[in-house]
Amino acid sequence: MAAKSARDRIIDAALDFAGRHSWESLRLHDVAAELKLELNDVRACFREKEDITEAWFDRADATMLQVGVDPGFTGLTSRERIHRLIMTWLSALSPHRRVTRQMIYGKLEPGHLHYQFAGLLRVSRTVQWVREAAHHDAVLPWRAFEETGLTAIYLATFFYWMRDESENARRTSAFLDRLLGRAERLAQCFPKFSGSRSQPDMTTPPAP
């Protein structure tokens, strides 16, 4: 097994410290002390604590995208692909779910507008990767509706998961499946509105 990079070691140390204490109480000098590093060593990888949050979600993105190369993935329905991708993303975060929740709530505090803006960009980026991995290729104007719907589903599922104590996030999985089912039914209300570059999928209903 390859040795962890300094960047990964810093992320892991930060998460472990926050798990024992809290994300709010974590300071970068705590991470340096945990790893017996100088602060400049930490700064070489992360300019500020919030960058560790971004790196943590980047890990989840990378784990999610690995699902796309699994045998049989492309043979799944669009609904099944999106479900598997989002649940894989959440599973990657599950070892530190409480800390992840604290990260998100910290972004939402009044006065953290710059973090909130960055959070919106993060949501958009992850949703785009979900679309890419699910092989969604709709073009404008349908793409905008698809992205809006998928963003709403992703956020609702994420916030549901943060409070889900069921084994293996079973309730979250069922919740996500219900949302995706509703999206399919809603899409059927627009039988002539298709911007897909290829065959229809759950967000691009077939023409009558």
Protein backbone atom coordinates (compact mmCIF):
# COMPACT_ATOMS: atom_id res chain seq x y z
CA MET A 1 0.00 0.00 0.00
CA ALA A 2 1.38 3.40 -1.00
CA ALA A 3 2.27 5.79 1.82
CA LYS A 4 -0.21 8.58 2.38
CA SER A 5 0.68 11.99 1.03
CA ALA A 6 1.25 14.88 3.43
CA ARG A 7 -2.05 16.31 2.23
CA ASP A 8 -3.98 13.15 3.08
CA ARG A 9 -2.27 12.83 6.47
CA ILE A 10 -3.30 16.40 7.32
CA ILE A 11 -6.92 15.75 6.29
CA ASP A 12 -7.06 12.57 8.37
CA ALA A 13 -5.47 14.24 11.40
CA ALA A 14 -7.91 17.15 11.20
CA LEU A 15 -10.90 14.82 11.00
CA ASP A 16 -9.66 12.66 13.86
CA PHE A 17 -9.04 15.69 16.09
CA ALA A 18 -12.46 17.16 15.26
CA GLY A 19 -14.03 13.79 15.97
CA ARG A 20 -12.59 13.85 19.49
CA HIS A 21 -13.44 17.50 20.05
CA SER A 22 -15.33 19.47 17.38
CA TRP A 23 -14.74 21.00 13.99
CA GLU A 24 -15.27 24.49 15.39
CA SER A 25 -12.55 24.01 18.02
CA LEU A 26 -10.00 22.68 15.53
CA ARG A 27 -7.09 24.95 14.69
CA LEU A 28 -4.35 24.27 12.18
CA HIS A 29 -1.72 24.35 14.91
CA ASP A 30 -3.59 21.39 16.45
CA VAL A 31 -3.10 19.48 13.21
CA ALA A 32 0.57 20.40 13.11
CA ALA A 33 1.00 19.19 16.69
CA GLU A 34 -0.83 15.92 15.95
CA LEU A 35 1.53 15.18 13.07
CA LYS A 36 4.63 16.74 14.66
CA LEU A 37 4.88 19.19 11.78
CA GLU A 38 5.59 22.89 11.57
CA LEU A 39 2.77 25.22 10.61
CA ASN A 40 4.55 26.00 7.37
CA ASP A 41 4.28 22.30 6.47
CA VAL A 42 0.52 22.54 6.90
CA ARG A 43 0.37 25.83 5.02
CA ALA A 44 2.17 24.24 2.09
CA CYS A 45 -0.89 22.01 1.63
CA PHE A 46 -3.76 24.15 2.96
CA ARG A 47 -4.04 27.93 3.14
CA GLU A 48 -6.80 27.79 5.77
CA LYS A 49 -8.96 25.33 7.67
CA GLU A 50 -11.82 25.69 5.20
CA ASP A 51 -9.58 24.23 2.49
CA ILE A 52 -9.54 20.98 4.46
CA THR A 53 -13.33 20.92 4.23
CA GLU A 54 -13.07 21.28 0.45
CA ALA A 55 -10.49 18.50 0.31
CA TRP A 56 -12.76 16.22 2.36
CA PHE A 57 -15.59 16.68 -0.12
CA ASP A 58 -13.17 16.27 -3.02
CA ARG A 59 -12.40 12.84 -1.63
CA ALA A 60 -16.08 11.98 -1.70
CA ASP A 61 -16.32 13.20 -5.31
CA ALA A 62 -13.38 10.99 -6.29
CA THR A 63 -14.84 7.95 -4.55
CA MET A 64 -18.18 8.54 -6.26
CA LEU A 65 -16.60 8.75 -9.70
CA GLN A 66 -14.91 5.38 -9.19
CA VAL A 67 -18.37 3.81 -9.25
CA GLY A 68 -18.66 4.80 -12.89
CA VAL A 69 -16.04 2.24 -13.89
CA ASP A 70 -17.72 -0.66 -12.07
CA PRO A 71 -18.82 -3.50 -14.38
CA GLY A 72 -22.46 -3.16 -15.29
CA PHE A 73 -22.82 0.44 -14.14
CA THR A 74 -23.68 1.78 -17.58
CA GLY A 75 -26.33 -0.91 -17.92
CA LEU A 76 -28.30 0.52 -14.99
CA THR A 77 -31.24 2.85 -15.51
CA SER A 78 -30.63 6.56 -15.05
CA ARG A 79 -32.50 6.45 -11.75
CA GLU A 80 -30.33 3.57 -10.51
CA ARG A 81 -27.11 5.27 -11.61
CA ILE A 82 -27.92 8.52 -9.80
CA HIS A 83 -29.01 6.64 -6.70
CA ARG A 84 -25.79 4.65 -6.56
CA LEU A 85 -23.62 7.70 -7.18
CA ILE A 86 -25.19 9.85 -4.48
CA MET A 87 -25.24 7.04 -1.92
CA THR A 88 -21.59 6.27 -2.68
CA TRP A 89 -20.75 9.94 -2.15
CA LEU A 90 -22.49 9.88 1.23
CA SER A 91 -20.86 6.59 2.20
CA ALA A 92 -17.45 8.14 1.61
CA LEU A 93 -18.32 10.78 4.22
CA SER A 94 -19.93 8.41 6.71
CA PRO A 95 -16.81 7.64 8.81
CA HIS A 96 -16.93 11.29 9.92
CA ARG A 97 -20.62 12.09 9.59
CA ARG A 98 -20.82 14.17 12.77
CA VAL A 99 -17.80 16.24 11.77
CA THR A 100 -19.22 16.65 8.26
CA ARG A 101 -22.44 17.97 9.78
CA GLN A 102 -20.43 20.45 11.86
CA MET A 103 -18.57 21.58 8.73
CA ILE A 104 -21.84 22.32 6.95
CA TYR A 105 -23.45 24.08 9.88
CA GLY A 106 -20.32 26.20 10.26
CA LYS A 107 -20.72 27.37 6.68
CA LEU A 108 -24.31 28.42 7.38
CA GLU A 109 -23.49 30.66 10.34
CA PRO A 110 -24.27 34.38 9.85
CA GLY A 111 -21.20 36.32 8.82
CA HIS A 112 -19.72 33.48 6.80
CA LEU A 113 -20.98 34.74 3.44
CA HIS A 114 -17.71 33.92 1.69
CA TYR A 115 -17.98 30.31 2.93
CA GLN A 116 -21.61 30.16 1.85
CA PHE A 117 -20.71 31.31 -1.65
CA ALA A 118 -17.95 28.72 -1.79
CA GLY A 119 -20.47 26.16 -0.57
CA LEU A 120 -22.79 26.94 -3.48
CA LEU A 121 -19.92 26.41 -5.89
CA ARG A 122 -19.12 23.11 -4.18
CA VAL A 123 -22.72 21.91 -4.54
CA SER A 124 -22.74 22.86 -8.21
CA ARG A 125 -19.45 21.08 -8.80
CA THR A 126 -20.56 17.85 -7.17
CA VAL A 127 -23.89 17.89 -9.02
CA GLN A 128 -22.05 18.32 -12.31
CA TRP A 129 -19.89 15.29 -11.51
CA VAL A 130 -23.02 13.29 -10.71
CA ARG A 131 -24.43 14.22 -14.12
CA GLU A 132 -21.17 13.33 -15.85
CA ALA A 133 -20.84 9.98 -14.09
CA ALA A 134 -24.51 9.19 -14.76
CA HIS A 135 -23.94 9.98 -18.46
CA HIS A 136 -26.53 12.74 -18.56
CA ASP A 137 -26.00 14.75 -21.71
CA ALA A 138 -29.04 17.01 -21.93
CA VAL A 139 -28.50 20.36 -23.63
CA LEU A 140 -30.10 23.72 -22.99
CA PRO A 141 -32.81 24.55 -22.16
CA TRP A 142 -33.62 21.13 -20.64
CA ARG A 143 -30.21 20.88 -18.97
CA ALA A 144 -31.02 23.84 -16.70
CA PHE A 145 -34.22 22.17 -15.47
CA GLU A 146 -32.39 18.88 -14.98
CA GLU A 147 -29.59 20.53 -12.99
CA THR A 148 -32.06 22.40 -10.80
CA GLY A 149 -34.02 19.24 -10.03
CA LEU A 150 -30.92 17.16 -9.38
CA THR A 151 -29.47 19.86 -7.12
CA ALA A 152 -32.67 19.90 -5.05
CA ILE A 153 -32.62 16.10 -4.77
CA TYR A 154 -28.93 16.03 -3.84
CA LEU A 155 -29.29 18.72 -1.14
CA ALA A 156 -32.46 17.23 0.36
CA THR A 157 -30.80 13.82 0.53
CA PHE A 158 -27.60 15.24 2.02
CA PHE A 159 -29.42 17.04 4.82
CA TYR A 160 -31.60 13.99 5.48
CA TRP A 161 -28.48 11.81 5.70
CA MET A 162 -26.81 14.11 8.22
CA ARG A 163 -29.50 13.16 10.76
CA ASP A 164 -30.05 9.56 9.69
CA GLU A 165 -29.04 7.06 12.39
CA SER A 166 -30.25 3.97 10.51
CA GLU A 167 -27.82 1.19 9.66
CA ASN A 168 -25.91 1.87 6.44
CA ALA A 169 -28.10 4.96 5.92
CA ARG A 170 -30.98 2.70 4.93
CA ARG A 171 -33.57 5.42 5.48
CA THR A 172 -31.59 7.88 3.37
CA SER A 173 -31.40 5.36 0.55
CA ALA A 174 -35.18 4.93 0.63
CA PHE A 175 -35.69 8.70 0.86
CA LEU A 176 -33.49 9.28 -2.19
CA ASP A 177 -35.29 6.59 -4.14
CA ARG A 178 -38.63 8.29 -3.41
CA LEU A 179 -37.29 11.64 -4.61
CA LEU A 180 -35.96 10.12 -7.80
CA GLY A 181 -39.30 8.39 -8.39
CA ARG A 182 -41.10 11.71 -8.07
CA ALA A 183 -38.65 13.25 -10.54
CA GLU A 184 -39.45 10.53 -13.04
CA ARG A 185 -43.19 11.11 -12.69
CA LEU A 186 -42.74 14.87 -13.01
CA ALA A 187 -40.66 14.44 -16.16
CA GLN A 188 -43.52 12.51 -17.74
CA CYS A 189 -45.59 15.70 -17.61
CA PHE A 190 -43.37 17.15 -20.36
CA PRO A 191 -43.49 14.49 -23.08
CA LYS A 192 -42.42 16.85 -25.87
CA PHE A 193 -39.70 18.65 -23.98
CA SER A 194 -36.47 16.76 -24.54
CA GLY A 195 -32.98 18.23 -24.75
CA SER A 196 -31.12 14.95 -24.49
CA ARG A 197 -28.31 14.39 -26.93
CA SER A 198 -29.05 10.69 -26.94
CA GLN A 199 -31.81 8.41 -25.73
CA PRO A 200 -34.25 9.65 -23.08
CA ASP A 201 -33.57 8.97 -19.42
CA MET A 202 -35.32 9.69 -16.12
CA THR A 203 -35.12 13.44 -16.62
CA THR A 204 -35.82 13.37 -20.34
CA PRO A 205 -39.18 11.68 -20.99
CA PRO A 206 -39.86 10.11 -24.39
CA ALA A 207 -41.97 11.85 -26.97
CA PRO A 208 -45.42 10.30 -27.48
